[in-house]
Protein backbone atom coordinates (compact mmCIF):
# COMPACT_ATOMS: atom_id res chain seq x y z
CA MET A 1 93.18 32.35 112.95
CA SER A 2 91.33 32.65 109.67
CA LEU A 3 88.29 34.89 109.37
CA GLY A 4 86.06 31.82 109.57
CA GLU A 5 87.79 30.64 112.73
CA ILE A 6 87.58 33.97 114.55
CA ALA A 7 83.95 34.35 113.43
CA GLU A 8 83.17 30.91 114.88
CA ARG A 9 84.94 31.85 118.12
CA CYS A 10 82.88 35.04 118.38
CA TYR A 11 79.72 33.03 117.73
CA ASN A 12 80.59 30.52 120.47
CA MET A 13 81.53 33.32 122.89
CA THR A 14 78.31 35.22 122.23
CA THR A 15 76.22 32.06 122.60
CA SER A 16 78.00 31.33 125.88
CA TYR A 17 77.24 34.84 127.18
CA LEU A 18 73.58 34.54 126.25
CA GLU A 19 73.36 31.24 128.14
CA VAL A 20 74.57 32.78 131.41
CA SER A 21 71.97 32.52 134.16
CA THR A 22 72.51 35.20 136.77
CA ASN A 23 70.88 37.69 139.09
CA SER A 24 73.08 40.47 137.68
CA ILE A 25 70.85 43.19 136.26
CA ILE A 26 73.73 44.41 134.07
CA ILE A 27 74.26 40.99 132.50
CA ARG A 28 70.53 40.47 131.91
CA GLU A 29 70.21 43.89 130.30
CA THR A 30 73.30 43.24 128.19
CA GLN A 31 71.91 39.90 127.04
CA ASP A 32 68.80 41.76 125.86
CA ALA A 33 71.02 44.30 124.09
CA VAL A 34 72.97 41.48 122.39
CA ARG A 35 69.79 39.77 121.22
CA LEU A 36 68.42 42.99 119.75
CA THR A 37 71.65 43.75 117.89
CA ARG A 38 71.91 40.21 116.55
CA ARG A 39 68.28 40.23 115.43
CA HIS A 40 68.81 43.56 113.72
CA LEU A 41 71.87 42.29 111.85
CA LEU A 42 70.45 38.92 110.84
CA GLU A 43 66.88 39.98 110.01
CA ASP A 44 67.19 43.60 108.87
CA VAL A 45 70.72 44.07 107.56
CA PHE A 46 71.75 40.70 106.09
CA THR A 47 68.42 40.40 104.29
CA ARG A 48 69.03 43.77 102.61
CA TRP A 49 72.75 43.50 101.82
CA SER A 50 74.82 40.36 101.59
CA PRO A 51 77.62 40.20 104.17
CA LEU A 52 79.51 37.70 102.02
CA ASN A 53 80.19 39.68 98.83
CA GLY A 54 81.54 43.05 100.00
CA GLU A 55 78.26 44.96 100.10
CA ILE A 56 78.78 45.53 103.84
CA SER A 57 81.97 47.05 105.25
CA PHE A 58 83.03 48.00 108.76
CA SER A 59 84.26 51.24 110.34
CA TYR A 60 86.97 50.31 112.87
CA ASN A 61 89.06 52.49 115.15
CA GLY A 62 90.05 50.11 117.96
CA GLY A 63 87.68 51.69 120.49
CA LYS A 64 85.62 49.61 122.88
CA ASP A 65 82.27 50.30 121.19
CA CYS A 66 83.29 49.35 117.68
CA GLN A 67 85.20 46.33 119.02
CA VAL A 68 82.04 45.07 120.70
CA LEU A 69 80.10 45.64 117.48
CA LEU A 70 82.81 43.80 115.53
CA LEU A 71 82.60 40.77 117.85
CA LEU A 72 78.83 40.69 117.40
CA TYR A 73 79.09 41.16 113.65
CA LEU A 74 81.57 38.30 113.32
CA SER A 75 79.28 36.16 115.45
CA CYS A 76 76.39 36.90 113.10
CA LEU A 77 78.59 36.25 110.06
CA TRP A 78 79.20 32.74 111.33
CA GLU A 79 75.52 32.17 112.04
CA PHE A 80 74.62 33.46 108.58
CA PHE A 81 77.20 31.09 107.07
CA ILE A 82 75.70 28.15 108.98
CA ILE A 83 72.19 29.05 107.78
CA GLN A 84 73.37 29.24 104.17
CA ALA A 85 75.37 26.01 104.46
CA GLU A 86 72.40 24.10 105.85
CA ARG A 87 70.39 25.09 102.79
CA SER A 88 73.05 23.66 100.52
CA GLN A 89 72.80 20.21 98.95
CA TYR A 90 76.29 19.48 100.29
CA ASP A 91 77.15 18.26 103.77
CA PHE A 92 78.37 20.98 106.18
CA LYS A 93 81.81 19.40 106.47
CA TYR A 94 82.36 20.20 102.80
CA GLN A 95 81.38 23.84 103.22
CA LYS A 96 84.12 26.47 103.39
CA PHE A 97 83.70 29.89 104.95
CA PRO A 98 83.52 32.11 101.84
CA MET A 99 85.47 35.14 103.08
CA GLU A 100 89.14 35.66 103.89
CA ASN A 101 89.01 39.32 104.96
CA LEU A 102 86.48 41.88 106.09
CA PHE A 103 86.57 45.21 104.24
CA SER A 104 87.00 47.97 106.81
CA VAL A 105 87.94 51.62 107.07
CA TYR A 106 89.94 53.36 109.79
CA ILE A 107 88.99 57.02 110.17
CA ASP A 108 92.25 58.45 111.58
CA LEU A 109 91.70 62.21 111.36
CA ALA A 110 93.53 63.19 114.56
CA GLU A 111 96.96 62.26 115.88
CA THR A 112 96.39 58.97 117.66
CA PHE A 113 97.96 57.42 120.74
CA PRO A 114 100.73 54.93 119.82
CA THR A 115 99.01 52.39 122.10
CA LEU A 116 95.80 52.69 120.11
CA GLU A 117 97.66 52.54 116.80
CA SER A 118 99.40 49.32 117.91
CA PHE A 119 96.08 47.88 119.08
CA VAL A 120 94.42 48.66 115.74
CA ASN A 121 97.27 46.93 113.92
CA MET A 122 97.20 43.87 116.17
CA THR A 123 93.44 43.43 116.15
CA SER A 124 93.25 44.03 112.41
CA GLU A 125 95.32 40.88 112.03
CA ARG A 126 93.35 39.00 114.67
CA TYR A 127 89.99 39.82 113.09
CA GLN A 128 91.27 39.58 109.51
CA LEU A 129 90.37 43.15 108.59
CA SER A 130 91.37 44.50 105.21
CA LEU A 131 91.87 47.90 106.81
CA TYR A 132 91.93 51.04 104.70
CA SER A 133 93.09 54.41 106.02
CA SER A 134 94.19 57.56 104.24
CA MET A 135 97.44 57.64 106.22
CA ARG A 136 98.36 54.06 105.33
CA GLU A 137 97.26 54.44 101.72
CA HIS A 138 98.49 57.95 100.87
CA GLY A 139 100.78 58.94 103.75
CA THR A 140 98.47 61.81 104.78
CA LYS A 141 95.36 61.92 106.92
CA ALA A 142 92.02 62.74 105.31
CA SER A 143 90.84 66.31 105.85
CA ASN A 144 87.49 65.22 107.28
CA MET A 145 85.32 62.17 107.87
CA SER A 146 83.35 62.61 104.65
CA CYS A 147 86.53 62.60 102.57
CA ALA A 148 87.84 59.57 104.43
CA PHE A 149 84.72 57.54 103.65
CA GLY A 150 84.77 58.84 100.06
CA ASP A 151 88.34 57.63 99.58
CA PHE A 152 87.39 54.24 101.01
CA LEU A 153 84.41 53.87 98.66
CA LYS A 154 86.62 54.64 95.66
CA ARG A 155 88.75 51.69 96.73
CA TYR A 156 85.78 49.42 97.50
CA PRO A 157 82.91 50.63 95.26
CA GLU A 158 80.86 47.50 95.93
CA THR A 159 80.24 48.74 99.48
CA GLN A 160 76.65 49.83 100.01
CA ALA A 161 76.48 49.84 103.82
CA ILE A 162 79.05 50.54 106.53
CA LEU A 163 78.67 49.40 110.12
CA ILE A 164 79.48 52.07 112.69
CA GLY A 165 79.81 51.48 116.45
CA VAL A 166 78.06 54.61 117.66
CA ARG A 167 75.74 54.70 120.69
CA ALA A 168 72.80 56.96 121.45
CA THR A 169 74.74 58.44 124.38
CA ASP A 170 77.47 59.72 122.02
CA PRO A 171 77.27 63.35 120.82
CA PHE A 172 74.28 63.63 118.43
CA GLY A 173 73.73 59.89 118.85
CA ASP A 174 70.18 60.42 120.04
CA THR A 175 69.27 61.71 116.56
CA LEU A 176 70.44 58.56 114.77
CA THR A 177 68.54 55.47 113.63
CA PRO A 178 69.82 51.90 113.15
CA ILE A 179 69.85 52.28 109.34
CA GLN A 180 70.05 55.65 107.64
CA LYS A 181 71.27 56.98 104.34
CA THR A 182 74.05 59.55 104.40
CA ASP A 183 73.25 63.21 103.80
CA SER A 184 73.36 64.62 100.26
CA ASN A 185 76.74 66.29 100.86
CA TRP A 186 78.32 62.97 101.89
CA PRO A 187 79.46 59.94 99.88
CA ASP A 188 76.49 57.72 99.05
CA PHE A 189 76.12 54.77 101.43
CA TYR A 190 73.95 53.56 104.29
CA ARG A 191 75.10 53.95 107.88
CA VAL A 192 74.27 50.81 109.87
CA GLN A 193 74.34 51.52 113.62
CA PRO A 194 73.20 48.40 115.51
CA ILE A 195 74.36 49.29 119.05
CA LEU A 196 72.60 52.63 119.54
CA HIS A 197 70.67 51.12 122.46
CA TRP A 198 73.78 49.95 124.34
CA LYS A 199 74.85 51.58 127.62
CA LEU A 200 78.40 51.84 128.92
CA ALA A 201 77.79 49.06 131.45
CA ASN A 202 76.66 46.76 128.62
CA ILE A 203 79.86 47.44 126.68
CA TRP A 204 82.12 46.60 129.65
CA SER A 205 80.16 43.49 130.62
CA PHE A 206 80.28 41.93 127.16
CA LEU A 207 83.86 42.99 126.39
CA LEU A 208 85.30 41.75 129.69
CA TYR A 209 83.47 38.44 129.34
CA SER A 210 84.65 37.99 125.74
CA ASN A 211 88.28 37.59 126.88
CA GLU A 212 89.29 39.38 123.71
CA PRO A 213 92.30 41.76 123.83
CA ILE A 214 91.40 45.19 125.23
CA CYS A 215 93.28 48.37 124.32
CA GLY A 216 95.74 49.22 127.11
CA LEU A 217 94.52 52.80 127.43
CA TYR A 218 91.30 51.51 128.99
CA GLY A 219 93.35 49.85 131.70
CA ASN A 220 94.81 53.26 132.59
CA GLY A 221 91.75 55.36 133.29
CA PHE A 222 90.51 56.08 129.77
CA THR A 223 86.81 55.61 129.07
CA SER A 224 86.57 57.42 125.72
CA ILE A 225 89.52 57.77 123.34
CA GLY A 226 89.97 60.59 120.86
CA GLY A 227 93.10 62.28 119.60
CA ILE A 228 96.20 62.85 121.74
CA ASP A 229 95.51 66.58 121.95
CA THR A 230 91.90 66.16 123.04
CA THR A 231 91.93 63.18 125.43
CA ILE A 232 93.12 62.53 128.98
CA PRO A 233 92.24 59.79 131.47
CA ASN A 234 88.79 60.23 132.93
CA PRO A 235 89.21 62.48 136.02
CA TYR A 236 86.40 60.63 137.79
CA LEU A 237 88.65 57.54 137.86
CA THR A 238 91.48 59.13 139.83
CA GLU A 239 92.78 56.45 142.21
CA SER A 240 91.85 57.12 145.87
CA LYS A 241 90.28 55.32 148.81
CA ASP A 242 87.20 57.49 148.38
CA ASN A 243 86.87 56.60 144.71
CA ARG A 244 87.34 52.91 145.45
CA SER A 245 84.27 53.04 147.67
CA LYS A 246 82.28 55.22 145.25
CA LEU A 247 83.16 53.12 142.20
CA PRO A 248 82.98 49.44 143.13
CA LEU A 249 83.84 46.99 140.38
CA LYS A 250 80.59 45.75 138.81
CA PHE A 251 82.11 43.12 136.52
CA GLN A 252 83.96 40.68 138.77
CA TRP A 253 81.80 37.77 137.59
CA GLU A 254 82.56 38.50 133.93
CA ILE A 255 86.28 38.73 134.73
CA ASP A 256 86.33 35.51 136.77
CA ASN A 257 84.26 33.58 134.23
CA ALA A 258 85.58 35.06 130.99
CA PHE A 259 85.19 32.94 127.86
CA LYS A 260 87.91 30.25 127.62
CA LYS A 261 89.89 31.99 130.33
CA GLU A 262 93.42 30.66 130.83
CA SER A 263 94.79 33.23 133.27
CA ASP A 264 93.69 35.30 136.24
CA GLU A 265 94.63 38.47 134.38
CA ILE A 266 92.23 40.58 132.34
CA ASN A 267 93.24 40.46 128.67
CA VAL A 268 94.21 44.14 128.54
CA LEU A 269 97.36 44.98 126.61
CA ALA A 270 100.27 47.01 127.93
CA ILE A 271 100.45 50.65 126.92
CA ASP A 272 103.21 51.97 124.68
CA ARG A 273 106.27 53.45 126.41
CA GLU A 274 105.68 56.76 124.66
CA ASP A 275 102.20 56.89 126.17
CA GLN A 276 103.57 55.94 129.59
CA LEU A 277 105.87 58.98 129.48
CA TRP A 278 102.96 61.16 128.31
CA LEU A 279 100.86 60.00 131.28
CA LYS A 280 103.67 60.83 133.72
CA LYS A 281 103.84 64.36 132.33
CA LEU A 282 100.14 64.82 133.10
CA GLY A 283 100.83 64.47 136.81
CA PRO A 284 101.37 61.96 139.61
CA GLU A 285 97.77 60.70 139.67
CA GLU A 286 97.01 57.02 139.26
CA TYR A 287 93.74 55.92 137.68
CA LEU A 288 91.34 53.04 138.07
CA PRO A 289 90.70 51.04 134.89
CA GLY A 290 87.99 52.41 132.63
CA TRP A 291 85.58 49.57 133.44
CA TYR A 292 85.13 50.93 136.97
CA LEU A 293 82.96 53.65 135.43
CA ILE A 294 79.43 52.84 134.25
CA ASP A 295 77.87 56.31 134.26
CA ASP A 296 77.12 57.23 130.64
CA GLU A 297 76.86 60.92 131.49
CA ILE A 298 80.55 61.20 132.49
CA GLU A 299 81.97 58.62 130.06
CA ARG A 300 83.47 61.42 127.94
CA ALA A 301 84.75 63.50 130.88
CA GLY A 302 88.29 62.90 129.66
CA ARG A 303 87.60 64.57 126.31
CA ILE A 304 89.05 68.08 126.17
CA LYS A 305 87.28 70.75 124.17
CA LYS A 306 89.79 72.75 122.13
């Protein structure tokens, strides 16, 4: 698919989700979260920087949060294109989506799981990301996040704002605002953080309904993914009869009614064989999929402090 086609798909998927009528508190709260993010992007961000000329870029690492933000951003890109096209003197059928790729940066400071690396590569093609990373560009990882963004801005100097899929429940996330300028010791750009208000349950509900590919690590007990040396499956998702009763699946409706669903299976990708062997070395435990957990306070329980 072209960027215009995947943006239109995301728009149609998001519209479909917002039209769902249900008694599910999670879905209703997620619909409110979607509306607020879309309003923020269309009314606050796109009126300040143009999304069509490279002024806005995207920080992408293949994680669930930034994937949800990317789906919403693409949805808003299509809506913005429609609004601009309707103002044109030419009929819509003669209008062409003006972008072929979305400038994006992959901050790969730590050694990553092969499964995640494969997912980033696959989804970069699916979402037409022009993905920059220090490793891919120079063969070495950046020494820190500031340097990584600085290298990216040297490559794409027209960038004025970068979208980042951080939530208020992330470390230091409660100190952030939807739009904020970087500190004086950082490269000069604006951080745009439109999903600060999202909860873990909102992320799973929207992502499972989207029927978009999901990184295979989430299907194997991961709820937050960092580097190989600092991440294990979430211990609260250890497979057991007791856990099955404590952690009932909250998203069966989203799974059964996923957007343009063609199979009974959740669209979660297989994990890399190298990661399968790594999981076996951890021990004999089996894990429930990450979307069985909706407690924000233990979302990062699989992160190991070094």
